[in-house]
Amino acid sequence: MLDELNPEVRERLEKAVMEIFSTADFHKASIRVIAEKAGVSFTTIYKHYGSKERLLFAFVNIWMSELTERIADHLNGIEDLKEKLRKVFWLHLDYYERNEKLGRILFMTLPMQTWMTDESFDQKKRVNLIIEVLKKGQQQGIINPNIRAGSLLDFMLGFIQRLFFMWIIRGKQESLVENAHNLFEMVWQGMANPAIVRYIKPTDIPKNQKQ
């Protein structure tokens, strides 16, 4: 539907959608408000989308596809499974930090239940890219085989969502990606196969390192 719009009109509409939904209550936004902000007629927007939800979801798909393509590009150049997941984790944090307004829309203003009932919520390509890595790790015995790959994905993405939310609440005191590698280690411990996790015993620690 966006392809049918004049490029200049689409750009104005995109800016208006991003600004309004990242700063205002979702339920208070309306097509008329968006139309006024973008300088586009109410009729034009309604004709192409029919509702503010469909309009927002159309742009969310475009914005998220940029992240998906970045993930696909990076995964092609990494062999180690753990490092693949580390990169996926880092790319999400980096993308939301550089696109703060999108993060606010996804995690703070857009009612999740509303988005989940729309077909655009699935984000099939991005999800499948990550699920494929997780399933391969399970097949290799590296990732916990007793938990569904989909649940492992939810665990990681939920962790990312919480990090972004608290980053905003705490006033963005530091970069989201500053501690990405250390934070990923926490996520990794929750996904790794417990059967191969090596627990360090006191006898394994050199005497000069014991407290």
C-alpha atoms as a PDB file:
ATOM      1  CA  MET A   1       0.000   0.000   0.000  1.00  0.00           C
ATOM      2  CA  LEU A   2       2.845   2.370   0.750  1.00  0.00           C
ATOM      3  CA  ASP A   3       4.211   1.822  -2.758  1.00  0.00           C
ATOM      4  CA  GLU A   4       1.066   3.379  -4.172  1.00  0.00           C
ATOM      5  CA  LEU A   5       1.749   6.701  -2.478  1.00  0.00           C
ATOM      6  CA  ASN A   6       3.705   9.577  -3.944  1.00  0.00           C
ATOM      7  CA  PRO A   7       7.271   9.290  -2.501  1.00  0.00           C
ATOM      8  CA  GLU A   8       7.113  12.798  -1.062  1.00  0.00           C
ATOM      9  CA  VAL A   9       3.730  12.121   0.549  1.00  0.00           C
ATOM     10  CA  ARG A  10       4.987   8.819   1.921  1.00  0.00           C
ATOM     11  CA  GLU A  11       8.018  10.512   3.497  1.00  0.00           C
ATOM     12  CA  ARG A  12       5.846  13.121   5.230  1.00  0.00           C
ATOM     13  CA  LEU A  13       3.496  10.412   6.417  1.00  0.00           C
ATOM     14  CA  GLU A  14       6.347   8.288   7.743  1.00  0.00           C
ATOM     15  CA  LYS A  15       7.747  11.180   9.769  1.00  0.00           C
ATOM     16  CA  ALA A  16       4.318  11.987  11.176  1.00  0.00           C
ATOM     17  CA  VAL A  17       3.614   8.373  12.141  1.00  0.00           C
ATOM     18  CA  MET A  18       6.993   8.014  13.832  1.00  0.00           C
ATOM     19  CA  GLU A  19       6.636  11.264  15.762  1.00  0.00           C
ATOM     20  CA  ILE A  20       3.049  10.817  16.885  1.00  0.00           C
ATOM     21  CA  PHE A  21       3.176   7.177  17.945  1.00  0.00           C
ATOM     22  CA  SER A  22       6.523   7.497  19.728  1.00  0.00           C
ATOM     23  CA  THR A  23       5.407  10.417  21.883  1.00  0.00           C
ATOM     24  CA  ALA A  24       1.637  10.097  22.357  1.00  0.00           C
ATOM     25  CA  ASP A  25      -0.729   7.563  23.837  1.00  0.00           C
ATOM     26  CA  PHE A  26      -1.678   5.070  21.136  1.00  0.00           C
ATOM     27  CA  HIS A  27      -5.388   5.381  21.837  1.00  0.00           C
ATOM     28  CA  LYS A  28      -5.342   9.177  21.604  1.00  0.00           C
ATOM     29  CA  ALA A  29      -3.764   9.190  18.152  1.00  0.00           C
ATOM     30  CA  SER A  30      -6.132   9.342  15.204  1.00  0.00           C
ATOM     31  CA  ILE A  31      -6.010   9.387  11.430  1.00  0.00           C
ATOM     32  CA  ARG A  32      -7.102  13.032  11.493  1.00  0.00           C
ATOM     33  CA  VAL A  33      -4.205  13.979  13.779  1.00  0.00           C
ATOM     34  CA  ILE A  34      -1.773  12.078  11.573  1.00  0.00           C
ATOM     35  CA  ALA A  35      -3.214  13.658   8.431  1.00  0.00           C
ATOM     36  CA  GLU A  36      -2.835  17.146   9.891  1.00  0.00           C
ATOM     37  CA  LYS A  37       0.726  16.475  11.029  1.00  0.00           C
ATOM     38  CA  ALA A  38       1.749  15.048   7.652  1.00  0.00           C
ATOM     39  CA  GLY A  39      -0.165  17.537   5.530  1.00  0.00           C
ATOM     40  CA  VAL A  40      -2.017  14.663   3.883  1.00  0.00           C
ATOM     41  CA  SER A  41      -5.761  14.451   3.435  1.00  0.00           C
ATOM     42  CA  PHE A  42      -7.770  12.240   5.766  1.00  0.00           C
ATOM     43  CA  THR A  43      -9.403  10.643   2.716  1.00  0.00           C
ATOM     44  CA  THR A  44      -6.050   9.599   1.228  1.00  0.00           C
ATOM     45  CA  ILE A  45      -4.934   7.853   4.398  1.00  0.00           C
ATOM     46  CA  TYR A  46      -8.281   6.196   5.016  1.00  0.00           C
ATOM     47  CA  LYS A  47      -8.519   5.025   1.407  1.00  0.00           C
ATOM     48  CA  HIS A  48      -5.157   3.239   1.578  1.00  0.00           C
ATOM     49  CA  TYR A  49      -5.269   1.926   5.157  1.00  0.00           C
ATOM     50  CA  GLY A  50      -8.694   2.210   6.700  1.00  0.00           C
ATOM     51  CA  SER A  51      -7.360   2.527  10.246  1.00  0.00           C
ATOM     52  CA  LYS A  52      -4.476   3.982  12.223  1.00  0.00           C
ATOM     53  CA  GLU A  53      -3.439   0.445  13.190  1.00  0.00           C
ATOM     54  CA  ARG A  54      -2.973  -0.670   9.597  1.00  0.00           C
ATOM     55  CA  LEU A  55      -1.091   2.536   8.822  1.00  0.00           C
ATOM     56  CA  LEU A  56       1.282   2.083  11.750  1.00  0.00           C
ATOM     57  CA  PHE A  57       1.858  -1.614  11.089  1.00  0.00           C
ATOM     58  CA  ALA A  58       2.756  -0.884   7.469  1.00  0.00           C
ATOM     59  CA  PHE A  59       5.574   1.409   8.561  1.00  0.00           C
ATOM     60  CA  VAL A  60       6.669  -0.868  11.410  1.00  0.00           C
ATOM     61  CA  ASN A  61       7.163  -3.624   8.838  1.00  0.00           C
ATOM     62  CA  ILE A  62       9.408  -1.372   6.786  1.00  0.00           C
ATOM     63  CA  TRP A  63      11.444  -0.221   9.776  1.00  0.00           C
ATOM     64  CA  MET A  64      11.869  -3.749  11.121  1.00  0.00           C
ATOM     65  CA  SER A  65      12.850  -5.103   7.710  1.00  0.00           C
ATOM     66  CA  GLU A  66      15.963  -2.940   7.915  1.00  0.00           C
ATOM     67  CA  LEU A  67      16.982  -4.754  11.094  1.00  0.00           C
ATOM     68  CA  THR A  68      16.186  -8.100   9.489  1.00  0.00           C
ATOM     69  CA  GLU A  69      18.454  -7.398   6.540  1.00  0.00           C
ATOM     70  CA  ARG A  70      21.303  -6.380   8.838  1.00  0.00           C
ATOM     71  CA  ILE A  71      20.920  -9.626  10.773  1.00  0.00           C
ATOM     72  CA  ALA A  72      20.924 -11.682   7.572  1.00  0.00           C
ATOM     73  CA  ASP A  73      24.075  -9.954   6.309  1.00  0.00           C
ATOM     74  CA  HIS A  74      25.994 -10.434   9.554  1.00  0.00           C
ATOM     75  CA  LEU A  75      24.991 -14.060  10.095  1.00  0.00           C
ATOM     76  CA  ASN A  76      26.396 -14.992   6.715  1.00  0.00           C
ATOM     77  CA  GLY A  77      29.851 -13.956   7.849  1.00  0.00           C
ATOM     78  CA  ILE A  78      29.962 -15.747  11.227  1.00  0.00           C
ATOM     79  CA  GLU A  79      30.660 -19.455  11.713  1.00  0.00           C
ATOM     80  CA  ASP A  80      30.624 -19.886  15.503  1.00  0.00           C
ATOM     81  CA  LEU A  81      27.088 -20.481  16.771  1.00  0.00           C
ATOM     82  CA  LYS A  82      27.462 -18.579  20.012  1.00  0.00           C
ATOM     83  CA  GLU A  83      28.937 -15.613  18.177  1.00  0.00           C
ATOM     84  CA  LYS A  84      26.003 -15.672  15.759  1.00  0.00           C
ATOM     85  CA  LEU A  85      23.596 -15.241  18.660  1.00  0.00           C
ATOM     86  CA  ARG A  86      25.834 -12.639  20.274  1.00  0.00           C
ATOM     87  CA  LYS A  87      25.725 -10.627  17.054  1.00  0.00           C
ATOM     88  CA  VAL A  88      21.941 -10.962  16.831  1.00  0.00           C
ATOM     89  CA  PHE A  89      21.671  -9.663  20.392  1.00  0.00           C
ATOM     90  CA  TRP A  90      24.028  -6.750  19.698  1.00  0.00           C
ATOM     91  CA  LEU A  91      22.296  -5.810  16.429  1.00  0.00           C
ATOM     92  CA  HIS A  92      18.929  -5.500  18.156  1.00  0.00           C
ATOM     93  CA  LEU A  93      20.291  -3.249  20.885  1.00  0.00           C
ATOM     94  CA  ASP A  94      22.231  -1.152  18.392  1.00  0.00           C
ATOM     95  CA  TYR A  95      19.231  -0.753  16.100  1.00  0.00           C
ATOM     96  CA  TYR A  96      16.869   0.317  18.870  1.00  0.00           C
ATOM     97  CA  GLU A  97      19.410   2.714  20.319  1.00  0.00           C
ATOM     98  CA  ARG A  98      19.918   4.381  16.929  1.00  0.00           C
ATOM     99  CA  ASN A  99      16.168   4.306  16.276  1.00  0.00           C
ATOM    100  CA  GLU A 100      14.889   5.244  19.708  1.00  0.00           C
ATOM    101  CA  LYS A 101      11.489   6.381  18.478  1.00  0.00           C
ATOM    102  CA  LEU A 102      10.855   2.988  16.913  1.00  0.00           C
ATOM    103  CA  GLY A 103      11.822   1.308  20.169  1.00  0.00           C
ATOM    104  CA  ARG A 104       9.409   3.541  22.044  1.00  0.00           C
ATOM    105  CA  ILE A 105       6.628   2.598  19.647  1.00  0.00           C
ATOM    106  CA  LEU A 106       7.291  -1.143  19.864  1.00  0.00           C
ATOM    107  CA  PHE A 107       7.890  -1.406  23.594  1.00  0.00           C
ATOM    108  CA  MET A 108       6.125   1.539  25.197  1.00  0.00           C
ATOM    109  CA  THR A 109       3.206   2.957  23.206  1.00  0.00           C
ATOM    110  CA  LEU A 110       1.932   0.199  20.911  1.00  0.00           C
ATOM    111  CA  PRO A 111      -0.446  -2.172  22.734  1.00  0.00           C
ATOM    112  CA  MET A 112       1.150  -5.570  22.212  1.00  0.00           C
ATOM    113  CA  GLN A 113      -2.190  -7.350  22.067  1.00  0.00           C
ATOM    114  CA  THR A 114      -3.270  -5.103  19.199  1.00  0.00           C
ATOM    115  CA  TRP A 115      -0.133  -5.841  17.193  1.00  0.00           C
ATOM    116  CA  MET A 116      -0.162  -9.563  17.972  1.00  0.00           C
ATOM    117  CA  THR A 117      -3.560  -9.986  16.318  1.00  0.00           C
ATOM    118  CA  ASP A 118      -2.237  -8.515  13.069  1.00  0.00           C
ATOM    119  CA  GLU A 119      -0.450 -10.646  10.483  1.00  0.00           C
ATOM    120  CA  SER A 120       2.451  -8.182  10.434  1.00  0.00           C
ATOM    121  CA  PHE A 121       3.397  -9.196  14.005  1.00  0.00           C
ATOM    122  CA  ASP A 122       4.889 -12.491  12.844  1.00  0.00           C
ATOM    123  CA  GLN A 123       8.029 -10.929  11.309  1.00  0.00           C
ATOM    124  CA  LYS A 124       8.648 -14.306   9.670  1.00  0.00           C
ATOM    125  CA  LYS A 125      11.991 -13.642   8.046  1.00  0.00           C
ATOM    126  CA  ARG A 126      13.651 -12.215  11.164  1.00  0.00           C
ATOM    127  CA  VAL A 127      12.171 -14.876  13.412  1.00  0.00           C
ATOM    128  CA  ASN A 128      13.158 -17.707  11.074  1.00  0.00           C
ATOM    129  CA  LEU A 129      16.733 -16.440  10.837  1.00  0.00           C
ATOM    130  CA  ILE A 130      17.148 -16.639  14.600  1.00  0.00           C
ATOM    131  CA  ILE A 131      15.117 -19.830  15.062  1.00  0.00           C
ATOM    132  CA  GLU A 132      17.333 -21.556  12.510  1.00  0.00           C
ATOM    133  CA  VAL A 133      20.432 -20.676  14.544  1.00  0.00           C
ATOM    134  CA  LEU A 134      18.816 -21.882  17.767  1.00  0.00           C
ATOM    135  CA  LYS A 135      17.659 -25.180  16.257  1.00  0.00           C
ATOM    136  CA  LYS A 136      21.072 -25.816  14.798  1.00  0.00           C
ATOM    137  CA  GLY A 137      22.570 -25.230  18.231  1.00  0.00           C
ATOM    138  CA  GLN A 138      20.130 -27.730  19.714  1.00  0.00           C
ATOM    139  CA  GLN A 139      21.022 -30.302  17.080  1.00  0.00           C
ATOM    140  CA  GLN A 140      24.699 -29.810  17.918  1.00  0.00           C
ATOM    141  CA  GLY A 141      24.005 -30.160  21.633  1.00  0.00           C
ATOM    142  CA  ILE A 142      25.168 -26.612  22.361  1.00  0.00           C
ATOM    143  CA  ILE A 143      21.748 -25.097  23.039  1.00  0.00           C
ATOM    144  CA  ASN A 144      19.352 -26.551  25.627  1.00  0.00           C
ATOM    145  CA  PRO A 145      17.377 -29.204  23.705  1.00  0.00           C
ATOM    146  CA  ASN A 146      14.641 -29.423  26.353  1.00  0.00           C
ATOM    147  CA  ILE A 147      13.185 -25.996  25.581  1.00  0.00           C
ATOM    148  CA  ARG A 148      11.374 -25.050  22.381  1.00  0.00           C
ATOM    149  CA  ALA A 149      13.441 -22.872  20.066  1.00  0.00           C
ATOM    150  CA  GLY A 150      10.518 -20.441  19.997  1.00  0.00           C
ATOM    151  CA  SER A 151      10.633 -20.110  23.787  1.00  0.00           C
ATOM    152  CA  LEU A 152      14.379 -19.496  23.673  1.00  0.00           C
ATOM    153  CA  LEU A 153      13.769 -16.755  21.126  1.00  0.00           C
ATOM    154  CA  ASP A 154      11.091 -15.217  23.366  1.00  0.00           C
ATOM    155  CA  PHE A 155      13.557 -15.298  26.248  1.00  0.00           C
ATOM    156  CA  MET A 156      16.218 -13.376  24.335  1.00  0.00           C
ATOM    157  CA  LEU A 157      13.888 -10.852  22.728  1.00  0.00           C
ATOM    158  CA  GLY A 158      12.095 -10.307  26.037  1.00  0.00           C
ATOM    159  CA  PHE A 159      15.440  -9.549  27.670  1.00  0.00           C
ATOM    160  CA  ILE A 160      16.171  -7.006  24.932  1.00  0.00           C
ATOM    161  CA  GLN A 161      12.768  -5.379  25.366  1.00  0.00           C
ATOM    162  CA  ARG A 162      13.316  -5.003  29.117  1.00  0.00           C
ATOM    163  CA  LEU A 163      16.782  -3.521  28.555  1.00  0.00           C
ATOM    164  CA  PHE A 164      15.381  -0.889  26.193  1.00  0.00           C
ATOM    165  CA  PHE A 165      12.482  -0.038  28.484  1.00  0.00           C
ATOM    166  CA  MET A 166      14.716   0.462  31.523  1.00  0.00           C
ATOM    167  CA  TRP A 167      17.261   2.366  29.420  1.00  0.00           C
ATOM    168  CA  ILE A 168      14.551   4.931  28.706  1.00  0.00           C
ATOM    169  CA  ILE A 169      13.188   4.967  32.264  1.00  0.00           C
ATOM    170  CA  ARG A 170      16.678   5.513  33.704  1.00  0.00           C
ATOM    171  CA  GLY A 171      17.333   8.459  31.439  1.00  0.00           C
ATOM    172  CA  LYS A 172      19.667   6.766  28.934  1.00  0.00           C
ATOM    173  CA  GLN A 173      22.625   7.188  31.264  1.00  0.00           C
ATOM    174  CA  GLU A 174      24.830   4.918  29.187  1.00  0.00           C
ATOM    175  CA  SER A 175      24.833   3.385  25.747  1.00  0.00           C
ATOM    176  CA  LEU A 176      22.600   0.355  25.267  1.00  0.00           C
ATOM    177  CA  VAL A 177      25.385  -1.493  23.472  1.00  0.00           C
ATOM    178  CA  GLU A 178      28.107  -0.518  25.938  1.00  0.00           C
ATOM    179  CA  ASN A 179      27.657  -3.697  27.976  1.00  0.00           C
ATOM    180  CA  ALA A 180      26.070  -5.785  25.243  1.00  0.00           C
ATOM    181  CA  HIS A 181      28.729  -8.497  25.316  1.00  0.00           C
ATOM    182  CA  ASN A 182      28.540  -8.976  29.090  1.00  0.00           C
ATOM    183  CA  LEU A 183      24.753  -8.875  29.041  1.00  0.00           C
ATOM    184  CA  PHE A 184      24.704 -11.487  26.302  1.00  0.00           C
ATOM    185  CA  GLU A 185      26.685 -13.833  28.544  1.00  0.00           C
ATOM    186  CA  MET A 186      23.736 -13.748  30.944  1.00  0.00           C
ATOM    187  CA  VAL A 187      21.374 -14.644  28.113  1.00  0.00           C
ATOM    188  CA  TRP A 188      23.729 -17.348  26.897  1.00  0.00           C
ATOM    189  CA  GLN A 189      23.778 -19.030  30.297  1.00  0.00           C
ATOM    190  CA  GLY A 190      20.000 -19.257  30.073  1.00  0.00           C
ATOM    191  CA  MET A 191      20.079 -20.870  26.617  1.00  0.00           C
ATOM    192  CA  ALA A 192      23.164 -23.084  26.706  1.00  0.00           C
ATOM    193  CA  ASN A 193      22.774 -26.826  27.209  1.00  0.00           C
ATOM    194  CA  PRO A 194      23.158 -27.354  30.980  1.00  0.00           C
ATOM    195  CA  ALA A 195      24.660 -30.782  30.272  1.00  0.00           C
ATOM    196  CA  ILE A 196      27.819 -29.207  28.855  1.00  0.00           C
ATOM    197  CA  VAL A 197      28.154 -26.255  31.218  1.00  0.00           C
ATOM    198  CA  ARG A 198      31.367 -26.704  33.188  1.00  0.00           C
ATOM    199  CA  TYR A 199      30.989 -25.726  36.800  1.00  0.00           C
ATOM    200  CA  ILE A 200      34.236 -24.616  38.448  1.00  0.00           C
ATOM    201  CA  LYS A 201      34.912 -26.431  41.686  1.00  0.00           C
ATOM    202  CA  PRO A 202      37.048 -24.968  44.492  1.00  0.00           C
ATOM    203  CA  THR A 203      39.699 -27.562  43.687  1.00  0.00           C
ATOM    204  CA  ASP A 204      39.907 -26.163  40.149  1.00  0.00           C
ATOM    205  CA  ILE A 205      40.945 -22.716  41.350  1.00  0.00           C
ATOM    206  CA  PRO A 206      44.703 -22.107  41.774  1.00  0.00           C
ATOM    207  CA  LYS A 207      45.665 -21.604  45.419  1.00  0.00           C
ATOM    208  CA  ASN A 208      46.940 -18.097  44.801  1.00  0.00           C
ATOM    209  CA  GLN A 209      43.499 -17.064  43.494  1.00  0.00           C
ATOM    210  CA  LYS A 210      41.455 -18.368  46.416  1.00  0.00           C
ATOM    211  CA  GLN A 211      40.113 -15.812  48.882  1.00  0.00           C
END
